[in-house]
Amino acid sequence: MHRRWWIATTALIFALCGPAWAKTEIKLGVVTKPGSAQNICAEAFKELLEARSQGKFEVSIYHSASLGTETEILEQIQMNSVQMGIITDGPFDVFLPQARVISYPFLFADAQTADKVLDGPAGQELLKQLEAVGMKGLAFSENGFRHITNNRRAVNTVADVAGLKIRVMESMFHKELWRLLGANPTPMGWPIYTELQQGTIDGQENPLSVIWNYRLQEVQKYLTLTGHVYSSHIDVTNLKWFQELPPADRELIQQCMAEAARRQRAWNRSNEADFLAKLKEAGMTVVEHPDLTSFREKVSGIRELDLFKDPKVQDMLQKFLQAAK
């Protein structure tokens, strides 16, 4: 009888004290659907952290814009109603203007140069600066190089962009970039299949993985490989939440996200040729060698815009330009 009482009492104590051993839930937001670039990184991070923390952390991935646009997810991260996000770099410029230097047109010659800059001192300094707006930058994963699609005409030179109504990210920089290129830029959240299908917009610009995974070949006829901007993801968490974790947990989260980002970048690059082949097979007219000189010339004065006049932005841009040489 005494033994049964002891067992029951011990079980009750463990039940009452259970929350002390309960898993810590991490809410992680992305706007894309499973199989997309952001989700590849999110799922790798979930797998790594849950395994290596031996169940201490549970990562709940909120995908397919279930938490709103990327801008809205960043706002929720600032408030700590969502702890983490894997977010395209474009929308960050509303929060931290220095972030727009990542998207400086034709900055990176190739993916290896992007890695050198973003994983190096310049990129890590930019991640550090996110602390000023309540976020902790953990790593850079990627969307990849962005290309233009549209439904009106083949784009062989920048003159062919004139007047096209192009969806752009919710970013002041991207809006100004496409205004310089001669388009009619229209900021929108993601996804945009219906808007393209209905003709609300003529086109958009995104990496090949996005174009394929969102079946844009069904509603877009023309693809031009401009590679005008390298599009990273900035993988972030709420700063205060992160700082209140034990040092070992902070280090583990940082390591797992860095490894997830490396995995995702490798996945993106190894599949790029296949995405392009599939888009061709689906019937898209692809301009593989457009007149990029005309694009470069059109945006050559972008550094003189008000967007880059802030001394902090100028300083960061100079560091990125130097590192990318």
Protein backbone atom coordinates (compact mmCIF):
# COMPACT_ATOMS: atom_id res chain seq x y z
CA MET A 1 0.00 0.00 0.00
CA HIS A 2 2.80 2.37 0.99
CA ARG A 3 4.66 1.63 -2.26
CA ARG A 4 1.57 2.36 -4.37
CA TRP A 5 1.06 5.62 -2.47
CA TRP A 6 4.70 6.61 -3.14
CA ILE A 7 4.42 5.83 -6.85
CA ALA A 8 1.18 7.81 -7.15
CA THR A 9 2.63 10.74 -5.24
CA THR A 10 5.80 10.77 -7.36
CA ALA A 11 3.75 10.69 -10.57
CA LEU A 12 1.67 13.60 -9.31
CA ILE A 13 4.79 15.64 -8.53
CA PHE A 14 6.18 14.99 -12.02
CA ALA A 15 2.84 15.96 -13.56
CA LEU A 16 2.72 19.21 -11.63
CA CYS A 17 6.33 20.02 -12.42
CA GLY A 18 6.03 18.86 -16.02
CA PRO A 19 6.34 22.32 -17.63
CA ALA A 20 9.91 22.55 -16.31
CA TRP A 21 10.81 19.71 -18.66
CA ALA A 22 8.39 20.64 -21.42
CA LYS A 23 9.68 21.25 -24.93
CA THR A 24 10.36 24.82 -25.91
CA GLU A 25 8.33 25.62 -29.02
CA ILE A 26 9.93 27.78 -31.69
CA LYS A 27 7.49 29.31 -34.15
CA LEU A 28 9.22 29.75 -37.50
CA GLY A 29 7.48 31.67 -40.30
CA VAL A 30 7.94 31.49 -44.08
CA VAL A 31 5.68 32.70 -46.87
CA THR A 32 6.44 29.87 -49.26
CA LYS A 33 4.99 26.39 -49.60
CA PRO A 34 6.68 23.05 -48.81
CA GLY A 35 9.35 22.20 -51.38
CA SER A 36 10.33 25.84 -51.88
CA ALA A 37 13.73 27.29 -51.08
CA GLN A 38 12.81 28.84 -47.71
CA ASN A 39 11.07 25.65 -46.64
CA ILE A 40 14.09 23.49 -47.51
CA CYS A 41 16.12 25.54 -45.04
CA ALA A 42 13.34 25.61 -42.42
CA GLU A 43 12.87 21.85 -42.55
CA ALA A 44 16.62 21.20 -42.34
CA PHE A 45 16.84 23.49 -39.31
CA LYS A 46 13.91 21.73 -37.64
CA GLU A 47 15.47 18.31 -38.23
CA LEU A 48 18.90 19.37 -36.94
CA LEU A 49 17.78 21.28 -33.86
CA GLU A 50 15.20 18.79 -32.66
CA ALA A 51 17.68 15.93 -33.00
CA ARG A 52 20.67 17.68 -31.46
CA SER A 53 18.71 19.23 -28.59
CA GLN A 54 17.38 15.74 -27.77
CA GLY A 55 13.82 16.97 -27.81
CA LYS A 56 14.35 20.16 -25.83
CA PHE A 57 13.20 22.29 -28.77
CA GLU A 58 10.22 21.75 -31.04
CA VAL A 59 10.18 23.80 -34.25
CA SER A 60 6.73 24.60 -35.64
CA ILE A 61 6.98 25.75 -39.25
CA TYR A 62 4.23 28.15 -40.34
CA HIS A 63 4.40 28.04 -44.13
CA SER A 64 2.42 29.24 -47.15
CA ALA A 65 1.98 32.79 -45.80
CA SER A 66 -0.20 31.49 -42.96
CA LEU A 67 1.29 34.27 -40.80
CA GLY A 68 0.99 36.94 -43.49
CA THR A 69 3.51 38.59 -45.79
CA GLU A 70 7.25 38.61 -45.15
CA THR A 71 6.97 42.15 -43.79
CA GLU A 72 4.25 41.01 -41.40
CA ILE A 73 6.31 38.02 -40.26
CA LEU A 74 9.23 40.34 -39.49
CA GLU A 75 6.91 42.54 -37.43
CA GLN A 76 5.77 39.47 -35.50
CA ILE A 77 9.39 38.44 -34.90
CA GLN A 78 10.08 41.89 -33.47
CA MET A 79 7.15 41.38 -31.07
CA ASN A 80 8.23 37.78 -30.28
CA SER A 81 4.82 36.39 -31.19
CA VAL A 82 6.90 34.46 -33.75
CA GLN A 83 10.45 33.55 -32.76
CA MET A 84 12.11 32.93 -36.11
CA GLY A 85 11.79 33.49 -39.84
CA ILE A 86 13.52 32.67 -43.10
CA ILE A 87 12.84 35.84 -45.05
CA THR A 88 13.92 37.19 -48.44
CA ASP A 89 16.38 40.04 -47.93
CA GLY A 90 14.26 42.60 -49.83
CA PRO A 91 11.65 43.39 -47.14
CA PHE A 92 14.37 43.96 -44.52
CA ASP A 93 15.19 47.39 -45.93
CA VAL A 94 12.05 48.82 -44.32
CA PHE A 95 13.49 47.81 -40.93
CA LEU A 96 17.22 48.24 -41.59
CA PRO A 97 18.11 50.31 -44.69
CA GLN A 98 21.59 48.80 -44.81
CA ALA A 99 20.05 45.46 -45.81
CA ARG A 100 19.31 46.78 -49.29
CA VAL A 101 22.98 46.56 -50.25
CA ILE A 102 22.64 42.76 -50.64
CA SER A 103 20.35 43.37 -53.61
CA TYR A 104 22.60 45.93 -55.28
CA PRO A 105 22.27 45.11 -59.00
CA PHE A 106 24.94 42.90 -60.55
CA LEU A 107 26.94 42.96 -57.31
CA PHE A 108 27.93 39.29 -57.23
CA ALA A 109 29.54 37.67 -60.26
CA ASP A 110 28.44 34.21 -59.14
CA ALA A 111 27.19 32.21 -56.16
CA GLN A 112 30.71 31.66 -54.84
CA THR A 113 31.28 35.40 -54.65
CA ALA A 114 27.97 35.80 -52.79
CA ASP A 115 29.10 33.18 -50.27
CA LYS A 116 32.46 34.89 -49.82
CA VAL A 117 30.83 38.24 -49.06
CA LEU A 118 27.87 37.09 -46.98
CA ASP A 119 29.76 34.51 -44.93
CA GLY A 120 32.68 36.90 -44.57
CA PRO A 121 33.17 40.04 -42.45
CA ALA A 122 30.84 42.29 -44.50
CA GLY A 123 27.88 39.93 -44.37
CA GLN A 124 28.41 39.10 -40.71
CA GLU A 125 28.55 42.81 -39.84
CA LEU A 126 25.20 43.28 -41.57
CA LEU A 127 23.70 40.42 -39.52
CA LYS A 128 25.04 42.07 -36.38
CA GLN A 129 23.37 45.37 -37.28
CA LEU A 130 19.95 43.70 -37.21
CA GLU A 131 20.23 43.76 -33.42
CA ALA A 132 19.43 47.49 -33.58
CA VAL A 133 15.89 46.58 -34.72
CA GLY A 134 15.31 43.74 -32.25
CA MET A 135 16.43 40.82 -34.42
CA LYS A 136 19.34 38.41 -34.29
CA GLY A 137 20.73 37.50 -37.71
CA LEU A 138 21.75 33.83 -37.70
CA ALA A 139 22.73 32.97 -41.28
CA PHE A 140 22.19 33.57 -44.99
CA SER A 141 20.40 30.97 -47.06
CA GLU A 142 19.33 31.84 -50.60
CA ASN A 143 16.71 32.29 -53.23
CA GLY A 144 19.39 32.67 -55.89
CA PHE A 145 19.81 34.99 -58.84
CA ARG A 146 16.59 36.65 -59.93
CA HIS A 147 15.27 36.60 -63.51
CA ILE A 148 12.35 38.36 -65.17
CA THR A 149 9.25 36.71 -66.62
CA ASN A 150 6.30 38.35 -68.35
CA ASN A 151 3.37 37.67 -70.61
CA ARG A 152 3.70 40.46 -73.15
CA ARG A 153 6.98 40.08 -75.03
CA ALA A 154 10.44 38.57 -75.02
CA VAL A 155 12.89 40.74 -73.13
CA ASN A 156 16.19 40.86 -75.04
CA THR A 157 17.33 44.29 -73.92
CA VAL A 158 16.37 46.74 -71.19
CA ALA A 159 14.28 48.67 -73.70
CA ASP A 160 11.88 45.70 -73.78
CA VAL A 161 11.11 46.23 -70.08
CA ALA A 162 9.55 49.64 -70.72
CA GLY A 163 5.98 49.87 -69.40
CA LEU A 164 5.75 46.30 -68.11
CA LYS A 165 3.73 46.07 -64.91
CA ILE A 166 6.11 44.02 -62.77
CA ARG A 167 5.37 42.65 -59.32
CA VAL A 168 8.17 43.47 -56.92
CA MET A 169 8.77 42.63 -53.27
CA GLU A 170 7.56 44.95 -50.53
CA SER A 171 10.86 46.80 -50.65
CA MET A 172 11.62 50.44 -51.38
CA PHE A 173 14.84 49.41 -53.11
CA HIS A 174 13.24 46.90 -55.46
CA LYS A 175 10.55 49.39 -56.39
CA GLU A 176 13.17 52.00 -57.29
CA LEU A 177 15.29 49.46 -59.16
CA TRP A 178 12.46 48.53 -61.51
CA ARG A 179 11.41 52.13 -61.93
CA LEU A 180 14.95 52.83 -63.16
CA LEU A 181 14.72 49.88 -65.53
CA GLY A 182 11.62 51.46 -67.10
CA ALA A 183 8.97 49.12 -65.70
CA ASN A 184 5.84 49.95 -63.74
CA PRO A 185 6.80 48.29 -60.42
CA THR A 186 3.93 47.01 -58.28
CA PRO A 187 4.81 45.89 -54.72
CA MET A 188 2.88 42.78 -53.65
CA GLY A 189 3.14 40.02 -51.08
CA TRP A 190 3.55 36.39 -52.15
CA PRO A 191 2.13 34.31 -53.87
CA ILE A 192 0.96 36.05 -57.06
CA TYR A 193 -0.27 33.25 -59.36
CA THR A 194 -3.82 34.62 -59.51
CA GLU A 195 -2.67 38.16 -60.27
CA LEU A 196 -0.55 36.88 -63.15
CA GLN A 197 -3.34 34.63 -64.40
CA GLN A 198 -5.86 37.47 -64.40
CA GLY A 199 -3.47 39.96 -66.00
CA THR A 200 -3.47 42.30 -63.01
CA ILE A 201 0.30 42.38 -63.51
CA ASP A 202 2.33 41.55 -66.63
CA GLY A 203 5.20 39.81 -64.96
CA GLN A 204 7.50 39.29 -62.01
CA GLU A 205 11.12 38.51 -61.20
CA ASN A 206 12.37 35.56 -59.18
CA PRO A 207 14.92 32.74 -59.16
CA LEU A 208 14.27 29.65 -61.27
CA SER A 209 13.29 27.50 -58.29
CA VAL A 210 10.47 29.90 -57.42
CA ILE A 211 9.25 30.15 -61.01
CA TRP A 212 9.07 26.35 -61.28
CA ASN A 213 7.72 25.53 -57.82
CA TYR A 214 4.93 28.07 -58.16
CA ARG A 215 4.06 26.89 -61.70
CA LEU A 216 4.48 30.36 -63.15
CA GLN A 217 5.19 28.76 -66.52
CA GLU A 218 1.41 28.17 -66.66
CA VAL A 219 0.70 31.92 -66.56
CA GLN A 220 3.91 33.42 -67.98
CA LYS A 221 5.17 32.93 -71.52
CA TYR A 222 8.55 34.67 -71.51
CA LEU A 223 11.59 34.14 -69.27
CA THR A 224 14.81 36.15 -69.54
CA LEU A 225 17.92 35.12 -67.62
CA THR A 226 18.93 38.56 -66.39
CA GLY A 227 20.38 37.53 -63.02
CA HIS A 228 20.05 41.22 -62.16
CA VAL A 229 20.03 40.70 -58.39
CA TYR A 230 21.26 37.96 -56.09
CA SER A 231 18.47 37.19 -53.66
CA SER A 232 19.43 35.90 -50.23
CA HIS A 233 17.30 34.86 -47.30
CA ILE A 234 18.21 36.32 -43.95
CA ASP A 235 17.52 33.72 -41.28
CA VAL A 236 16.57 35.61 -38.13
CA THR A 237 15.21 35.28 -34.62
CA ASN A 238 13.87 37.64 -31.98
CA LEU A 239 16.90 39.14 -30.25
CA LYS A 240 15.54 39.29 -26.68
CA TRP A 241 14.21 35.73 -26.83
CA PHE A 242 17.56 34.51 -28.17
CA GLN A 243 19.62 36.38 -25.58
CA GLU A 244 17.59 34.93 -22.71
CA LEU A 245 18.45 31.35 -23.72
CA PRO A 246 21.33 29.55 -22.00
CA PRO A 247 24.65 30.03 -23.87
CA ALA A 248 24.76 26.38 -24.98
CA ASP A 249 21.29 26.66 -26.53
CA ARG A 250 22.21 29.87 -28.33
CA GLU A 251 25.29 28.21 -29.79
CA LEU A 252 23.30 25.14 -30.84
CA ILE A 253 20.62 27.20 -32.61
CA GLN A 254 23.29 29.25 -34.39
CA GLN A 255 25.13 26.11 -35.53
CA CYS A 256 21.98 24.34 -36.72
CA MET A 257 20.80 27.31 -38.76
CA ALA A 258 24.23 27.82 -40.32
CA GLU A 259 24.30 24.14 -41.35
CA ALA A 260 20.71 24.27 -42.63
CA ALA A 261 21.59 27.33 -44.72
CA ARG A 262 24.59 25.56 -46.28
CA ARG A 263 22.44 22.53 -47.10
CA GLN A 264 19.77 24.71 -48.67
CA ARG A 265 22.21 26.68 -50.82
CA ALA A 266 23.70 23.43 -52.10
CA TRP A 267 20.21 22.10 -52.88
CA ASN A 268 19.28 25.27 -54.76
CA ARG A 269 22.39 25.30 -56.91
CA SER A 270 22.40 21.59 -57.72
CA ASN A 271 18.82 21.82 -59.00
CA GLU A 272 19.05 25.04 -61.01
CA ALA A 273 19.84 23.45 -64.38
CA ASP A 274 16.96 21.03 -63.90
CA PHE A 275 14.54 23.86 -63.11
CA LEU A 276 15.56 25.66 -66.31
CA ALA A 277 15.17 22.49 -68.40
CA LYS A 278 11.69 21.90 -66.97
CA LEU A 279 10.60 25.46 -67.71
CA LYS A 280 11.74 25.06 -71.32
CA GLU A 281 9.96 21.72 -71.63
CA ALA A 282 6.81 23.36 -70.27
CA GLY A 283 6.85 25.74 -73.23
CA MET A 284 8.37 28.96 -71.91
CA THR A 285 10.25 31.09 -74.41
CA VAL A 286 13.64 31.56 -72.76
CA VAL A 287 16.09 34.34 -73.60
CA GLU A 288 19.32 32.89 -72.20
CA HIS A 289 21.72 35.64 -73.31
CA PRO A 290 20.06 39.05 -73.06
CA ASP A 291 21.94 42.31 -73.51
CA LEU A 292 23.01 42.68 -69.89
CA THR A 293 25.15 45.71 -70.72
CA SER A 294 21.98 47.67 -71.42
CA PHE A 295 20.62 46.66 -67.98
CA ARG A 296 23.85 47.60 -66.24
CA GLU A 297 23.93 51.00 -67.90
CA LYS A 298 20.32 51.71 -66.98
CA VAL A 299 20.94 51.14 -63.27
CA SER A 300 24.43 52.66 -63.12
CA GLY A 301 23.14 55.70 -61.25
CA ILE A 302 21.25 53.80 -58.58
CA ARG A 303 23.87 54.59 -55.96
CA GLU A 304 23.01 58.28 -56.25
CA LEU A 305 19.38 57.77 -55.22
CA ASP A 306 18.16 58.90 -51.81
CA LEU A 307 17.93 55.21 -50.83
CA PHE A 308 21.72 55.11 -50.58
CA LYS A 309 22.44 58.54 -49.11
CA ASP A 310 22.32 57.46 -45.48
CA PRO A 311 25.98 57.28 -44.33
CA LYS A 312 25.36 53.86 -42.74
CA VAL A 313 24.02 52.52 -46.03
CA GLN A 314 26.91 54.05 -47.99
CA ASP A 315 29.43 52.54 -45.58
CA MET A 316 27.89 49.09 -45.82
CA LEU A 317 27.63 49.30 -49.62
CA GLN A 318 31.30 50.21 -49.87
CA LYS A 319 32.23 47.19 -47.74
CA PHE A 320 30.11 44.90 -49.94
CA LEU A 321 31.51 46.32 -53.18
CA GLN A 322 35.07 45.91 -51.91
CA ALA A 323 34.47 42.37 -50.66
CA ALA A 324 32.83 41.32 -53.95
CA LYS A 325 35.90 42.24 -56.07
